[in-house]
Amino acid sequence: MPAKIDKETCTGCESCVSECPTEAISMNSDIAVVDEEACVDCGACVDACPVEAISME
């Protein structure tokens, strides 16, 4: 399953964007958004998020 962003918790720091090896994460209105087609479920973004706003379900 692709990474899920908790929009209430995301601070828009962009830490996850640079960590994603497939460039599946972008920013939209200062909130991270995951392209589910491009996400390879690696979990790099989960480890990169300082506020724990990303999960792998």
PDB file of N, CA and C in Angstrom:
ATOM      1  N   MET A   1       0.852  -1.189   0.000  1.00  0.00           N
ATOM      2  CA  MET A   1       0.000   0.000   0.000  1.00  0.00           C
ATOM      3  C   MET A   1       0.894   1.247   0.000  1.00  0.00           C
ATOM      4  N   PRO A   2       0.474   2.246  -0.736  1.00  0.00           N
ATOM      5  CA  PRO A   2       1.265   3.492  -0.781  1.00  0.00           C
ATOM      6  C   PRO A   2       1.257   4.221   0.550  1.00  0.00           C
ATOM      7  N   ALA A   3       2.230   5.096   0.704  1.00  0.00           N
ATOM      8  CA  ALA A   3       2.313   5.917   1.904  1.00  0.00           C
ATOM      9  C   ALA A   3       1.082   6.806   2.012  1.00  0.00           C
ATOM     10  N   LYS A   4       0.668   7.059   3.246  1.00  0.00           N
ATOM     11  CA  LYS A   4      -0.482   7.926   3.512  1.00  0.00           C
ATOM     12  C   LYS A   4      -0.005   9.127   4.324  1.00  0.00           C
ATOM     13  N   ILE A   5      -0.432  10.307   3.931  1.00  0.00           N
ATOM     14  CA  ILE A   5      -0.077  11.545   4.621  1.00  0.00           C
ATOM     15  C   ILE A   5      -1.247  11.980   5.493  1.00  0.00           C
ATOM     16  N   ASP A   6      -0.977  12.242   6.765  1.00  0.00           N
ATOM     17  CA  ASP A   6      -1.983  12.812   7.659  1.00  0.00           C
ATOM     18  C   ASP A   6      -1.935  14.327   7.449  1.00  0.00           C
ATOM     19  N   LYS A   7      -2.909  14.860   6.743  1.00  0.00           N
ATOM     20  CA  LYS A   7      -2.922  16.272   6.379  1.00  0.00           C
ATOM     21  C   LYS A   7      -3.018  17.195   7.583  1.00  0.00           C
ATOM     22  N   GLU A   8      -3.571  16.701   8.668  1.00  0.00           N
ATOM     23  CA  GLU A   8      -3.681  17.514   9.885  1.00  0.00           C
ATOM     24  C   GLU A   8      -2.329  17.642  10.588  1.00  0.00           C
ATOM     25  N   THR A   9      -1.483  16.632  10.433  1.00  0.00           N
ATOM     26  CA  THR A   9      -0.197  16.605  11.119  1.00  0.00           C
ATOM     27  C   THR A   9       0.937  17.180  10.272  1.00  0.00           C
ATOM     28  N   CYS A  10       0.843  17.049   8.968  1.00  0.00           N
ATOM     29  CA  CYS A  10       1.896  17.509   8.048  1.00  0.00           C
ATOM     30  C   CYS A  10       2.136  19.003   8.224  1.00  0.00           C
ATOM     31  N   THR A  11       3.413  19.379   8.392  1.00  0.00           N
ATOM     32  CA  THR A  11       3.776  20.781   8.576  1.00  0.00           C
ATOM     33  C   THR A  11       4.308  21.419   7.295  1.00  0.00           C
ATOM     34  N   GLY A  12       4.418  20.636   6.231  1.00  0.00           N
ATOM     35  CA  GLY A  12       4.913  21.168   4.967  1.00  0.00           C
ATOM     36  C   GLY A  12       6.406  21.395   4.931  1.00  0.00           C
ATOM     37  N   CYS A  13       7.151  20.658   5.736  1.00  0.00           N
ATOM     38  CA  CYS A  13       8.602  20.860   5.822  1.00  0.00           C
ATOM     39  C   CYS A  13       9.359  20.347   4.598  1.00  0.00           C
ATOM     40  N   GLU A  14       8.741  19.492   3.809  1.00  0.00           N
ATOM     41  CA  GLU A  14       9.303  18.923   2.580  1.00  0.00           C
ATOM     42  C   GLU A  14      10.429  17.913   2.802  1.00  0.00           C
ATOM     43  N   SER A  15      10.642  17.449   4.014  1.00  0.00           N
ATOM     44  CA  SER A  15      11.683  16.448   4.277  1.00  0.00           C
ATOM     45  C   SER A  15      11.451  15.168   3.483  1.00  0.00           C
ATOM     46  N   CYS A  16      10.214  14.783   3.339  1.00  0.00           N
ATOM     47  CA  CYS A  16       9.876  13.545   2.635  1.00  0.00           C
ATOM     48  C   CYS A  16      10.108  13.650   1.131  1.00  0.00           C
ATOM     49  N   VAL A  17       9.947  14.844   0.585  1.00  0.00           N
ATOM     50  CA  VAL A  17      10.069  15.036  -0.865  1.00  0.00           C
ATOM     51  C   VAL A  17      11.451  14.637  -1.352  1.00  0.00           C
ATOM     52  N   SER A  18      12.482  15.094  -0.670  1.00  0.00           N
ATOM     53  CA  SER A  18      13.847  14.800  -1.102  1.00  0.00           C
ATOM     54  C   SER A  18      14.262  13.363  -0.800  1.00  0.00           C
ATOM     55  N   GLU A  19      13.600  12.717   0.137  1.00  0.00           N
ATOM     56  CA  GLU A  19      13.946  11.338   0.500  1.00  0.00           C
ATOM     57  C   GLU A  19      13.310  10.293  -0.408  1.00  0.00           C
ATOM     58  N   CYS A  20      12.263  10.648  -1.131  1.00  0.00           N
ATOM     59  CA  CYS A  20      11.550   9.676  -1.961  1.00  0.00           C
ATOM     60  C   CYS A  20      12.371   9.308  -3.192  1.00  0.00           C
ATOM     61  N   PRO A  21      12.752   8.033  -3.326  1.00  0.00           N
ATOM     62  CA  PRO A  21      13.588   7.628  -4.463  1.00  0.00           C
ATOM     63  C   PRO A  21      12.862   7.621  -5.804  1.00  0.00           C
ATOM     64  N   THR A  22      11.535   7.630  -5.785  1.00  0.00           N
ATOM     65  CA  THR A  22      10.780   7.600  -7.041  1.00  0.00           C
ATOM     66  C   THR A  22      10.078   8.926  -7.327  1.00  0.00           C
ATOM     67  N   GLU A  23      10.375   9.944  -6.531  1.00  0.00           N
ATOM     68  CA  GLU A  23       9.760  11.267  -6.686  1.00  0.00           C
ATOM     69  C   GLU A  23       8.236  11.194  -6.666  1.00  0.00           C
ATOM     70  N   ALA A  24       7.715  10.321  -5.802  1.00  0.00           N
ATOM     71  CA  ALA A  24       6.270  10.124  -5.700  1.00  0.00           C
ATOM     72  C   ALA A  24       5.601  11.142  -4.780  1.00  0.00           C
ATOM     73  N   ILE A  25       6.389  11.955  -4.091  1.00  0.00           N
ATOM     74  CA  ILE A  25       5.819  12.926  -3.160  1.00  0.00           C
ATOM     75  C   ILE A  25       6.046  14.335  -3.689  1.00  0.00           C
ATOM     76  N   SER A  26       4.994  15.108  -3.689  1.00  0.00           N
ATOM     77  CA  SER A  26       5.074  16.511  -4.091  1.00  0.00           C
ATOM     78  C   SER A  26       4.326  17.337  -3.053  1.00  0.00           C
ATOM     79  N   MET A  27       4.407  18.641  -3.195  1.00  0.00           N
ATOM     80  CA  MET A  27       3.719  19.531  -2.267  1.00  0.00           C
ATOM     81  C   MET A  27       2.526  20.176  -2.965  1.00  0.00           C
ATOM     82  N   ASN A  28       1.413  20.281  -2.231  1.00  0.00           N
ATOM     83  CA  ASN A  28       0.204  20.924  -2.733  1.00  0.00           C
ATOM     84  C   ASN A  28      -0.365  21.753  -1.594  1.00  0.00           C
ATOM     85  N   SER A  29      -0.344  23.053  -1.731  1.00  0.00           N
ATOM     86  CA  SER A  29      -0.825  23.963  -0.676  1.00  0.00           C
ATOM     87  C   SER A  29      -0.107  23.697   0.643  1.00  0.00           C
ATOM     88  N   ASP A  30       1.211  23.522   0.569  1.00  0.00           N
ATOM     89  CA  ASP A  30       2.069  23.303   1.744  1.00  0.00           C
ATOM     90  C   ASP A  30       1.781  22.000   2.486  1.00  0.00           C
ATOM     91  N   ILE A  31       1.189  21.028   1.804  1.00  0.00           N
ATOM     92  CA  ILE A  31       0.941  19.713   2.374  1.00  0.00           C
ATOM     93  C   ILE A  31       1.508  18.676   1.400  1.00  0.00           C
ATOM     94  N   ALA A  32       2.186  17.666   1.944  1.00  0.00           N
ATOM     95  CA  ALA A  32       2.738  16.608   1.102  1.00  0.00           C
ATOM     96  C   ALA A  32       1.621  15.755   0.514  1.00  0.00           C
ATOM     97  N   VAL A  33       1.806  15.359  -0.745  1.00  0.00           N
ATOM     98  CA  VAL A  33       0.835  14.530  -1.460  1.00  0.00           C
ATOM     99  C   VAL A  33       1.593  13.380  -2.103  1.00  0.00           C
ATOM    100  N   VAL A  34       1.069  12.159  -1.978  1.00  0.00           N
ATOM    101  CA  VAL A  34       1.714  10.973  -2.538  1.00  0.00           C
ATOM    102  C   VAL A  34       1.027  10.570  -3.838  1.00  0.00           C
ATOM    103  N   ASP A  35       1.831  10.381  -4.877  1.00  0.00           N
ATOM    104  CA  ASP A  35       1.339   9.823  -6.137  1.00  0.00           C
ATOM    105  C   ASP A  35       1.317   8.310  -5.946  1.00  0.00           C
ATOM    106  N   GLU A  36       0.133   7.752  -5.751  1.00  0.00           N
ATOM    107  CA  GLU A  36       0.008   6.333  -5.430  1.00  0.00           C
ATOM    108  C   GLU A  36       0.538   5.428  -6.535  1.00  0.00           C
ATOM    109  N   GLU A  37       0.519   5.893  -7.769  1.00  0.00           N
ATOM    110  CA  GLU A  37       1.030   5.101  -8.894  1.00  0.00           C
ATOM    111  C   GLU A  37       2.557   4.993  -8.842  1.00  0.00           C
ATOM    112  N   ALA A  38       3.220   6.055  -8.379  1.00  0.00           N
ATOM    113  CA  ALA A  38       4.683   6.093  -8.356  1.00  0.00           C
ATOM    114  C   ALA A  38       5.279   5.536  -7.061  1.00  0.00           C
ATOM    115  N   CYS A  39       4.509   5.497  -5.993  1.00  0.00           N
ATOM    116  CA  CYS A  39       5.002   5.021  -4.695  1.00  0.00           C
ATOM    117  C   CYS A  39       5.323   3.533  -4.766  1.00  0.00           C
ATOM    118  N   VAL A  40       6.533   3.174  -4.276  1.00  0.00           N
ATOM    119  CA  VAL A  40       6.970   1.768  -4.287  1.00  0.00           C
ATOM    120  C   VAL A  40       6.988   1.164  -2.880  1.00  0.00           C
ATOM    121  N   ASP A  41       6.346   1.810  -1.934  1.00  0.00           N
ATOM    122  CA  ASP A  41       6.198   1.291  -0.569  1.00  0.00           C
ATOM    123  C   ASP A  41       7.526   1.053   0.147  1.00  0.00           C
ATOM    124  N   CYS A  42       8.521   1.896  -0.089  1.00  0.00           N
ATOM    125  CA  CYS A  42       9.836   1.687   0.517  1.00  0.00           C
ATOM    126  C   CYS A  42       9.909   2.179   1.957  1.00  0.00           C
ATOM    127  N   GLY A  43       9.072   3.161   2.321  1.00  0.00           N
ATOM    128  CA  GLY A  43       9.051   3.671   3.684  1.00  0.00           C
ATOM    129  C   GLY A  43      10.087   4.740   3.989  1.00  0.00           C
ATOM    130  N   ALA A  44      10.850   5.177   3.006  1.00  0.00           N
ATOM    131  CA  ALA A  44      11.873   6.212   3.240  1.00  0.00           C
ATOM    132  C   ALA A  44      11.244   7.498   3.761  1.00  0.00           C
ATOM    133  N   CYS A  45      10.070   7.821   3.280  1.00  0.00           N
ATOM    134  CA  CYS A  45       9.392   9.041   3.705  1.00  0.00           C
ATOM    135  C   CYS A  45       8.942   8.963   5.158  1.00  0.00           C
ATOM    136  N   VAL A  46       8.564   7.775   5.597  1.00  0.00           N
ATOM    137  CA  VAL A  46       8.119   7.589   6.985  1.00  0.00           C
ATOM    138  C   VAL A  46       9.261   7.937   7.933  1.00  0.00           C
ATOM    139  N   ASP A  47      10.453   7.432   7.628  1.00  0.00           N
ATOM    140  CA  ASP A  47      11.616   7.696   8.459  1.00  0.00           C
ATOM    141  C   ASP A  47      12.041   9.178   8.390  1.00  0.00           C
ATOM    142  N   ALA A  48      11.794   9.831   7.263  1.00  0.00           N
ATOM    143  CA  ALA A  48      12.230  11.217   7.072  1.00  0.00           C
ATOM    144  C   ALA A  48      11.318  12.229   7.742  1.00  0.00           C
ATOM    145  N   CYS A  49      10.076  11.874   8.013  1.00  0.00           N
ATOM    146  CA  CYS A  49       9.114  12.832   8.548  1.00  0.00           C
ATOM    147  C   CYS A  49       9.362  13.110  10.025  1.00  0.00           C
ATOM    148  N   PRO A  50       9.692  14.370  10.360  1.00  0.00           N
ATOM    149  CA  PRO A  50       9.981  14.693  11.764  1.00  0.00           C
ATOM    150  C   PRO A  50       8.754  14.763  12.672  1.00  0.00           C
ATOM    151  N   VAL A  51       7.554  14.837  12.087  1.00  0.00           N
ATOM    152  CA  VAL A  51       6.335  14.942  12.892  1.00  0.00           C
ATOM    153  C   VAL A  51       5.468  13.681  12.790  1.00  0.00           C
ATOM    154  N   GLU A  52       5.995  12.631  12.184  1.00  0.00           N
ATOM    155  CA  GLU A  52       5.295  11.358  12.047  1.00  0.00           C
ATOM    156  C   GLU A  52       3.937  11.494  11.371  1.00  0.00           C
ATOM    157  N   ALA A  53       3.906  12.293  10.294  1.00  0.00           N
ATOM    158  CA  ALA A  53       2.661  12.502   9.564  1.00  0.00           C
ATOM    159  C   ALA A  53       2.458  11.498   8.437  1.00  0.00           C
ATOM    160  N   ILE A  54       3.428  10.585   8.246  1.00  0.00           N
ATOM    161  CA  ILE A  54       3.335   9.630   7.153  1.00  0.00           C
ATOM    162  C   ILE A  54       3.312   8.210   7.712  1.00  0.00           C
ATOM    163  N   SER A  55       2.434   7.394   7.152  1.00  0.00           N
ATOM    164  CA  SER A  55       2.353   6.005   7.582  1.00  0.00           C
ATOM    165  C   SER A  55       2.230   5.092   6.379  1.00  0.00           C
ATOM    166  N   MET A  56       2.579   3.845   6.577  1.00  0.00           N
ATOM    167  CA  MET A  56       2.411   2.812   5.569  1.00  0.00           C
ATOM    168  C   MET A  56       1.338   1.885   6.110  1.00  0.00           C
ATOM    169  N   GLU A  57       0.212   1.801   5.415  1.00  0.00           N
ATOM    170  CA  GLU A  57      -0.895   0.974   5.908  1.00  0.00           C
ATOM    171  C   GLU A  57      -0.905  -0.369   5.245  1.00  0.00           C
TER     172      GLU A  57
END
